[in-house]
Amino acid sequence: MFMKKQNRKMKTIQKILMVLTITCTSLFLMTSCNTECGEKEQSTRFVKVEKVSTNNAVTDLTFNGNIKEKSTTQVSFRVGGPLTKLDVNIGSYVKKGQTISVIDQRDYRLQVQTAKAQYMQAKGEYERYNELYKKKKLPENTLEKLEAGYLMAKAAHENAGNALKDTELKAPVSGYIFEKFTENYQTVGPGQPIVSIVDMSKQEVVIHVPASKLSEINEDRKVYCSVQNAGVTNIPAELTNVAKKAGADNLYEVRFQLNLDPKTNIKPGMSAEVLIDGYVNTPESISVPVGAVFHSNRKNYVWVYNAQTSVVKKREVAVKNLNNNGRVSIRKGINAGEQIVTAGIHSLVENQQVKPIQERSKTNIGGLL
């Protein structure tokens, strides 16, 4: 009887131990599972992702400017004397090579005649004595003196002829007379301005740009000019010159050449509006937020997100310039349509699993949906 009670007691103890063992094992397995799941959950990071697009790279720029002529040239004589002809008036059109004014030629013709006589005499003497030198009947130094005199007389004759030609003032370019600095029959000196000519074969529009916008002006962007007073809009223009130094107002002068119809009413001095098109379909138009770019080993990178595998990979990019809207223009390295990480970039590693943060819908008030 005693032995039966002992056996029952032992069986009861064994059952209790078995239950405790199963319970502890289950608790251990549950704890291990929770730990592994938690670690796996922590390895998948939440990041902000943006799709690369060309439409948000740059924006249109608008500036006020003025129409300018190609050039304004002051014309003057190379010789002096009283004027005998000055028939042009302000606003007159002159062609290149057309005679504008003439100086009295009397004294200059006499100078030509005198110089010619001296030249012919020196030339004849040199030729005669040169024949004697060839026959060895004249010393060499004597011939050299005669040759020098001959060359000097020749130069004086040519100089007198050039001075006579310079008594006629010809237009160096085609254009319109803008100013007259003297009147006919007045005596003028060499270099004294007679008239100024405006060359309107090509017209330009000039704008002044702050340093913050200078980097956004380049030959790749389309430019259009509108002149309200002339009733003309959207004239194509081409970038011709950007000043290397700012003016007294700390602005940089930028010039664009206009492709004008000869019949247009646009005149120098008119106010104009210049539109620089921001939407250019080139690789340089791609931009990303500043926070998407990070530096490593003196190079620039972004994290490119693969939506199919949910992993990120580091990609080297070439940065063009920093825009004023908090974005960086990218020259090469990424293409439109790819997705990049824009927030949380410094805690990522190569081939890491990430999960994009879903943006709240504007109609999902309170984030309940």
Protein backbone atom coordinates (compact mmCIF):
# COMPACT_ATOMS: atom_id res chain seq x y z
CA MET A 1 0.00 0.00 0.00
CA PHE A 2 2.81 2.30 0.90
CA MET A 3 4.63 1.48 -2.28
CA LYS A 4 1.61 2.35 -4.43
CA LYS A 5 1.35 5.78 -2.82
CA GLN A 6 5.03 6.38 -3.48
CA ASN A 7 4.64 5.48 -7.14
CA ARG A 8 1.67 7.81 -7.54
CA LYS A 9 3.58 10.62 -5.94
CA MET A 10 6.57 10.15 -8.26
CA LYS A 11 4.33 10.12 -11.34
CA THR A 12 2.72 13.37 -10.20
CA ILE A 13 6.11 15.02 -9.74
CA GLN A 14 7.22 13.85 -13.21
CA LYS A 15 4.08 15.32 -14.78
CA ILE A 16 4.69 18.66 -13.03
CA LEU A 17 8.31 18.74 -14.23
CA MET A 18 7.23 17.92 -17.79
CA VAL A 19 4.69 20.74 -17.76
CA LEU A 20 7.30 23.18 -16.41
CA THR A 21 9.80 22.08 -19.07
CA ILE A 22 7.29 22.57 -21.89
CA THR A 23 6.28 25.96 -20.48
CA CYS A 24 9.87 27.20 -20.21
CA THR A 25 10.68 25.97 -23.69
CA SER A 26 7.68 27.78 -25.13
CA LEU A 27 8.57 30.98 -23.33
CA PHE A 28 12.16 30.77 -24.61
CA LEU A 29 11.02 30.21 -28.18
CA MET A 30 8.56 33.09 -27.98
CA THR A 31 11.24 35.40 -26.58
CA SER A 32 13.71 34.40 -29.28
CA CYS A 33 11.13 34.97 -32.01
CA ASN A 34 10.24 38.38 -30.65
CA THR A 35 13.91 39.38 -30.49
CA GLU A 36 14.65 38.22 -34.05
CA CYS A 37 11.51 39.88 -35.40
CA GLY A 38 12.38 43.09 -33.59
CA GLU A 39 15.91 43.07 -35.00
CA LYS A 40 14.54 42.42 -38.47
CA GLU A 41 12.04 45.24 -38.01
CA GLN A 42 14.83 47.59 -36.89
CA SER A 43 17.05 46.76 -39.93
CA THR A 44 14.36 48.05 -42.32
CA ARG A 45 14.60 51.82 -42.09
CA PHE A 46 11.97 54.36 -43.07
CA VAL A 47 13.20 56.95 -45.55
CA LYS A 48 11.76 59.75 -47.64
CA VAL A 49 11.91 59.07 -51.37
CA GLU A 50 11.51 61.44 -54.35
CA LYS A 51 11.15 60.66 -58.04
CA VAL A 52 13.70 62.50 -60.18
CA SER A 53 12.12 64.84 -62.71
CA THR A 54 13.33 67.53 -65.12
CA ASN A 55 10.34 69.80 -64.62
CA ASN A 56 11.42 71.05 -61.20
CA ALA A 57 15.05 71.77 -62.14
CA VAL A 58 14.92 75.45 -62.91
CA THR A 59 12.30 78.14 -63.21
CA ASP A 60 11.64 80.89 -65.71
CA LEU A 61 13.57 84.12 -65.17
CA THR A 62 12.28 87.55 -66.20
CA PHE A 63 14.36 90.73 -66.36
CA ASN A 64 13.78 94.30 -67.53
CA GLY A 65 16.26 95.59 -70.08
CA ASN A 66 16.95 98.11 -72.83
CA ILE A 67 17.48 97.79 -76.56
CA LYS A 68 21.00 98.76 -77.63
CA GLU A 69 22.60 99.22 -81.01
CA LYS A 70 25.52 97.04 -82.08
CA SER A 71 27.95 99.95 -81.74
CA THR A 72 28.28 103.75 -81.78
CA THR A 73 31.39 105.02 -83.55
CA GLN A 74 32.82 108.52 -83.45
CA VAL A 75 34.39 109.39 -86.81
CA SER A 76 37.25 111.89 -87.22
CA PHE A 77 39.88 113.01 -89.78
CA ARG A 78 43.49 111.91 -89.61
CA VAL A 79 44.53 115.32 -90.97
CA GLY A 80 43.39 118.89 -90.25
CA GLY A 81 42.04 121.84 -92.19
CA PRO A 82 38.85 123.73 -93.07
CA LEU A 83 35.81 121.69 -94.06
CA THR A 84 34.45 122.15 -97.57
CA LYS A 85 31.74 119.50 -97.36
CA LEU A 86 29.54 118.20 -94.55
CA ASP A 87 26.16 117.37 -96.00
CA VAL A 88 24.86 114.74 -93.55
CA ASN A 89 22.39 115.52 -90.78
CA ILE A 90 21.35 113.77 -87.59
CA GLY A 91 19.29 110.73 -88.55
CA SER A 92 20.79 110.47 -92.06
CA TYR A 93 21.62 106.97 -93.22
CA VAL A 94 25.12 106.39 -94.60
CA LYS A 95 26.59 103.30 -96.22
CA LYS A 96 30.01 101.90 -95.44
CA GLY A 97 32.59 103.73 -97.60
CA GLN A 98 30.32 106.69 -98.30
CA THR A 99 32.00 110.13 -98.09
CA ILE A 100 30.73 112.05 -95.06
CA SER A 101 32.90 115.16 -95.12
CA VAL A 102 35.85 116.69 -97.03
CA ILE A 103 38.73 118.99 -95.96
CA ASP A 104 40.08 121.64 -98.32
CA GLN A 105 42.59 119.72 -100.51
CA ARG A 106 44.56 122.67 -101.96
CA ASP A 107 47.60 122.47 -99.69
CA TYR A 108 47.63 118.65 -99.70
CA ARG A 109 47.77 118.54 -103.52
CA LEU A 110 50.77 120.86 -103.47
CA GLN A 111 52.48 118.63 -100.93
CA VAL A 112 51.92 115.66 -103.21
CA GLN A 113 53.44 117.49 -106.19
CA THR A 114 56.47 118.61 -104.19
CA ALA A 115 57.04 115.15 -102.74
CA LYS A 116 56.66 113.57 -106.17
CA ALA A 117 59.30 115.85 -107.71
CA GLN A 118 61.79 115.08 -104.96
CA TYR A 119 61.05 111.37 -105.25
CA MET A 120 61.56 111.30 -109.02
CA GLN A 121 64.87 113.19 -108.69
CA ALA A 122 66.17 110.87 -105.97
CA LYS A 123 65.06 107.83 -107.92
CA GLY A 124 66.86 108.97 -111.10
CA GLU A 125 70.11 109.67 -109.26
CA TYR A 126 70.02 106.33 -107.48
CA GLU A 127 69.44 104.40 -110.73
CA ARG A 128 72.28 106.21 -112.55
CA TYR A 129 74.81 105.77 -109.78
CA ASN A 130 73.75 102.17 -109.33
CA GLU A 131 74.94 101.49 -112.91
CA LEU A 132 78.31 103.04 -112.08
CA TYR A 133 78.52 100.89 -108.95
CA LYS A 134 77.92 97.76 -110.98
CA LYS A 135 80.88 98.77 -113.21
CA LYS A 136 82.93 99.26 -110.02
CA LYS A 137 83.34 102.97 -110.67
CA LEU A 138 81.59 104.11 -107.45
CA PRO A 139 82.34 103.36 -103.79
CA GLU A 140 79.75 101.28 -101.95
CA ASN A 141 79.16 103.84 -99.17
CA THR A 142 78.28 106.51 -101.73
CA LEU A 143 75.65 104.25 -103.25
CA GLU A 144 74.23 103.50 -99.80
CA LYS A 145 73.75 107.25 -99.14
CA LEU A 146 71.99 107.68 -102.47
CA GLU A 147 69.78 104.67 -101.76
CA ALA A 148 68.80 106.08 -98.36
CA GLY A 149 67.88 109.41 -99.91
CA TYR A 150 65.84 107.63 -102.57
CA LEU A 151 63.90 105.57 -100.01
CA MET A 152 63.19 108.65 -97.87
CA ALA A 153 61.86 110.56 -100.88
CA LYS A 154 59.69 107.58 -101.82
CA ALA A 155 58.21 107.41 -98.29
CA ALA A 156 57.55 111.17 -98.26
CA HIS A 157 55.72 110.87 -101.58
CA GLU A 158 53.55 108.02 -100.31
CA ASN A 159 52.84 109.92 -97.08
CA ALA A 160 51.73 113.00 -99.00
CA GLY A 161 49.45 110.83 -101.14
CA ASN A 162 47.90 109.24 -98.05
CA ALA A 163 47.33 112.67 -96.49
CA LEU A 164 45.50 113.76 -99.61
CA LYS A 165 43.28 110.68 -99.43
CA ASP A 166 42.62 111.35 -95.74
CA THR A 167 41.03 114.70 -96.59
CA GLU A 168 37.93 112.64 -97.44
CA LEU A 169 36.16 111.23 -94.38
CA LYS A 170 34.39 107.95 -95.25
CA ALA A 171 31.90 105.98 -93.13
CA PRO A 172 33.64 102.96 -91.54
CA VAL A 173 30.27 101.17 -91.09
CA SER A 174 26.75 101.46 -92.39
CA GLY A 175 24.38 103.19 -90.01
CA TYR A 176 22.63 106.35 -88.94
CA ILE A 177 24.18 109.70 -87.97
CA PHE A 178 23.58 110.01 -84.25
CA GLU A 179 25.49 113.23 -83.44
CA LYS A 180 27.24 116.08 -85.26
CA PHE A 181 30.12 117.73 -83.41
CA THR A 182 30.90 120.48 -85.95
CA GLU A 183 29.47 122.33 -88.93
CA ASN A 184 30.60 122.83 -92.51
CA TYR A 185 33.44 125.36 -93.27
CA GLN A 186 34.83 125.12 -89.75
CA THR A 187 38.52 124.26 -89.32
CA VAL A 188 39.09 120.93 -87.58
CA GLY A 189 42.18 119.17 -86.27
CA PRO A 190 43.38 115.58 -86.58
CA GLY A 191 41.36 113.25 -84.33
CA GLN A 192 38.61 115.79 -83.66
CA PRO A 193 35.19 114.02 -83.78
CA ILE A 194 33.04 115.08 -86.72
CA VAL A 195 30.00 112.80 -86.38
CA SER A 196 28.99 109.59 -84.58
CA ILE A 197 27.42 106.67 -86.45
CA VAL A 198 25.05 104.16 -84.91
CA ASP A 199 25.49 100.67 -86.40
CA MET A 200 22.04 99.09 -86.39
CA SER A 201 22.85 96.06 -88.55
CA LYS A 202 22.33 94.06 -85.37
CA GLN A 203 20.54 95.09 -82.19
CA GLU A 204 20.98 93.78 -78.69
CA VAL A 205 19.00 93.76 -75.48
CA VAL A 206 20.94 94.48 -72.30
CA ILE A 207 19.91 93.33 -68.82
CA HIS A 208 21.58 93.59 -65.41
CA VAL A 209 21.66 90.45 -63.28
CA PRO A 210 22.51 89.92 -59.57
CA ALA A 211 25.25 87.47 -58.72
CA SER A 212 22.70 85.04 -57.22
CA LYS A 213 21.11 84.52 -60.66
CA LEU A 214 24.23 84.65 -62.81
CA SER A 215 24.84 80.89 -62.71
CA GLU A 216 21.37 80.25 -64.16
CA ILE A 217 22.12 82.15 -67.37
CA ASN A 218 23.82 80.03 -70.04
CA GLU A 219 23.70 79.26 -73.75
CA ASP A 220 21.52 76.16 -73.22
CA ARG A 221 18.45 78.13 -72.16
CA LYS A 222 16.06 79.68 -74.64
CA VAL A 223 15.64 83.45 -74.41
CA TYR A 224 12.79 85.61 -75.67
CA CYS A 225 12.47 89.39 -75.78
CA SER A 226 9.29 91.49 -75.82
CA VAL A 227 9.14 95.22 -76.59
CA GLN A 228 5.76 96.67 -75.64
CA ASN A 229 6.29 100.06 -77.32
CA ALA A 230 7.01 98.36 -80.64
CA GLY A 231 4.16 95.89 -80.30
CA VAL A 232 6.52 92.92 -80.63
CA THR A 233 6.61 89.87 -78.35
CA ASN A 234 8.68 86.70 -77.99
CA ILE A 235 11.57 87.62 -80.27
CA PRO A 236 14.26 84.90 -80.13
CA ALA A 237 17.53 86.13 -78.64
CA GLU A 238 20.99 84.62 -78.28
CA LEU A 239 23.42 85.11 -75.41
CA THR A 240 26.47 87.06 -76.62
CA ASN A 241 28.28 88.38 -73.57
CA VAL A 242 28.29 88.20 -69.76
CA ALA A 243 30.31 90.83 -67.90
CA LYS A 244 33.22 89.45 -65.91
CA LYS A 245 32.90 92.17 -63.27
CA ALA A 246 29.92 93.73 -61.53
CA GLY A 247 29.15 97.41 -61.98
CA ALA A 248 28.75 100.09 -59.33
CA ASP A 249 25.26 98.70 -58.58
CA ASN A 250 26.73 95.20 -57.93
CA LEU A 251 24.92 93.86 -60.99
CA TYR A 252 26.42 92.07 -63.98
CA GLU A 253 25.67 93.26 -67.52
CA VAL A 254 24.37 90.53 -69.83
CA ARG A 255 23.84 91.07 -73.57
CA PHE A 256 21.62 89.12 -75.96
CA GLN A 257 21.58 89.54 -79.74
CA LEU A 258 18.13 89.87 -81.29
CA ASN A 259 17.07 88.10 -84.47
CA LEU A 260 14.97 90.94 -85.89
CA ASP A 261 12.90 91.35 -88.98
CA PRO A 262 14.28 94.34 -90.98
CA LYS A 263 10.79 95.86 -90.96
CA THR A 264 10.46 95.84 -87.18
CA ASN A 265 9.77 99.06 -85.28
CA ILE A 266 12.22 98.27 -82.49
CA LYS A 267 14.66 101.13 -81.90
CA PRO A 268 17.67 101.55 -79.59
CA GLY A 269 16.70 102.96 -76.21
CA MET A 270 13.34 101.19 -75.97
CA SER A 271 12.50 99.28 -72.81
CA ALA A 272 12.24 95.51 -73.14
CA GLU A 273 11.35 92.45 -71.11
CA VAL A 274 13.59 89.38 -71.32
CA LEU A 275 12.23 85.92 -70.54
CA ILE A 276 14.74 83.14 -69.95
CA ASP A 277 12.97 79.82 -70.37
CA GLY A 278 13.54 77.49 -67.44
CA TYR A 279 12.32 74.25 -68.99
CA VAL A 280 15.18 72.90 -71.01
CA ASN A 281 15.14 69.23 -72.02
CA THR A 282 18.77 68.50 -71.31
CA PRO A 283 20.52 66.35 -68.66
CA GLU A 284 21.62 69.54 -66.93
CA SER A 285 17.97 70.36 -66.10
CA ILE A 286 17.78 67.54 -63.53
CA SER A 287 17.90 68.72 -59.94
CA VAL A 288 17.56 67.10 -56.51
CA PRO A 289 17.13 68.47 -52.98
CA VAL A 290 20.33 69.54 -51.26
CA GLY A 291 19.71 67.00 -48.50
CA ALA A 292 19.82 64.10 -50.98
CA VAL A 293 23.52 64.60 -51.80
CA PHE A 294 26.28 63.43 -49.46
CA HIS A 295 30.06 63.49 -49.74
CA SER A 296 32.51 60.61 -49.41
CA ASN A 297 36.17 60.45 -50.45
CA ARG A 298 35.87 63.88 -52.12
CA LYS A 299 33.02 62.69 -54.34
CA ASN A 300 29.29 63.35 -54.37
CA TYR A 301 26.72 60.57 -54.05
CA VAL A 302 23.00 59.92 -53.74
CA TRP A 303 21.09 56.85 -52.57
CA VAL A 304 19.07 55.35 -55.43
CA TYR A 305 15.99 53.42 -54.31
CA ASN A 306 14.88 50.25 -56.16
CA ALA A 307 11.13 49.88 -55.72
CA GLN A 308 11.17 46.20 -56.77
CA THR A 309 13.78 45.04 -54.25
CA SER A 310 13.20 47.81 -51.65
CA VAL A 311 16.96 48.31 -51.31
CA VAL A 312 19.17 51.35 -51.79
CA LYS A 313 22.47 51.62 -53.63
CA LYS A 314 25.03 54.40 -53.59
CA ARG A 315 25.44 56.27 -56.91
CA GLU A 316 28.11 58.85 -57.76
CA VAL A 317 26.78 62.09 -59.32
CA ALA A 318 28.35 65.14 -60.93
CA VAL A 319 27.03 68.36 -59.38
CA LYS A 320 26.71 71.39 -61.66
CA ASN A 321 25.65 74.18 -59.32
CA LEU A 322 23.56 75.05 -56.27
CA ASN A 323 20.22 76.71 -57.04
CA ASN A 324 18.48 79.28 -54.87
CA ASN A 325 15.45 77.07 -54.26
CA GLY A 326 17.28 74.57 -52.03
CA ARG A 327 18.07 72.20 -54.89
CA VAL A 328 21.25 71.05 -56.62
CA SER A 329 21.54 70.81 -60.42
CA ILE A 330 22.97 67.43 -61.47
CA ARG A 331 25.04 67.19 -64.65
CA LYS A 332 25.23 63.38 -64.81
CA GLY A 333 24.82 60.26 -62.69
CA ILE A 334 21.03 59.93 -62.43
CA ASN A 335 18.18 59.98 -64.90
CA ALA A 336 14.64 61.26 -64.85
CA GLY A 337 12.24 58.64 -63.49
CA GLU A 338 14.64 57.13 -60.93
CA GLN A 339 13.89 57.39 -57.22
CA ILE A 340 16.35 58.77 -54.70
CA VAL A 341 16.39 59.06 -50.91
CA THR A 342 16.00 62.65 -49.76
CA ALA A 343 15.87 62.22 -45.95
CA GLY A 344 17.69 59.79 -43.65
CA ILE A 345 20.65 59.37 -46.01
CA HIS A 346 23.39 59.35 -43.36
CA SER A 347 22.11 56.23 -41.57
CA LEU A 348 22.04 53.99 -44.66
CA VAL A 349 24.44 51.34 -45.91
CA GLU A 350 24.85 49.70 -49.29
CA ASN A 351 22.03 47.28 -50.27
CA GLN A 352 20.04 48.10 -47.15
CA GLN A 353 16.33 47.36 -47.00
CA VAL A 354 14.28 50.54 -46.66
CA LYS A 355 10.63 51.47 -46.58
CA PRO A 356 9.46 54.77 -48.13
CA ILE A 357 7.43 57.05 -45.89
CA GLN A 358 3.97 57.34 -47.36
CA GLU A 359 2.81 60.91 -47.81
CA ARG A 360 -0.50 61.74 -46.22
CA SER A 361 -3.35 62.38 -48.55
CA LYS A 362 -4.75 65.91 -48.43
CA THR A 363 -8.22 64.39 -47.91
CA ASN A 364 -7.06 62.05 -45.13
CA ILE A 365 -7.65 64.42 -42.24
CA GLY A 366 -6.14 63.14 -39.01
CA GLY A 367 -4.26 60.31 -40.77
CA LEU A 368 -6.98 57.77 -40.10
CA LEU A 369 -6.89 56.23 -43.60
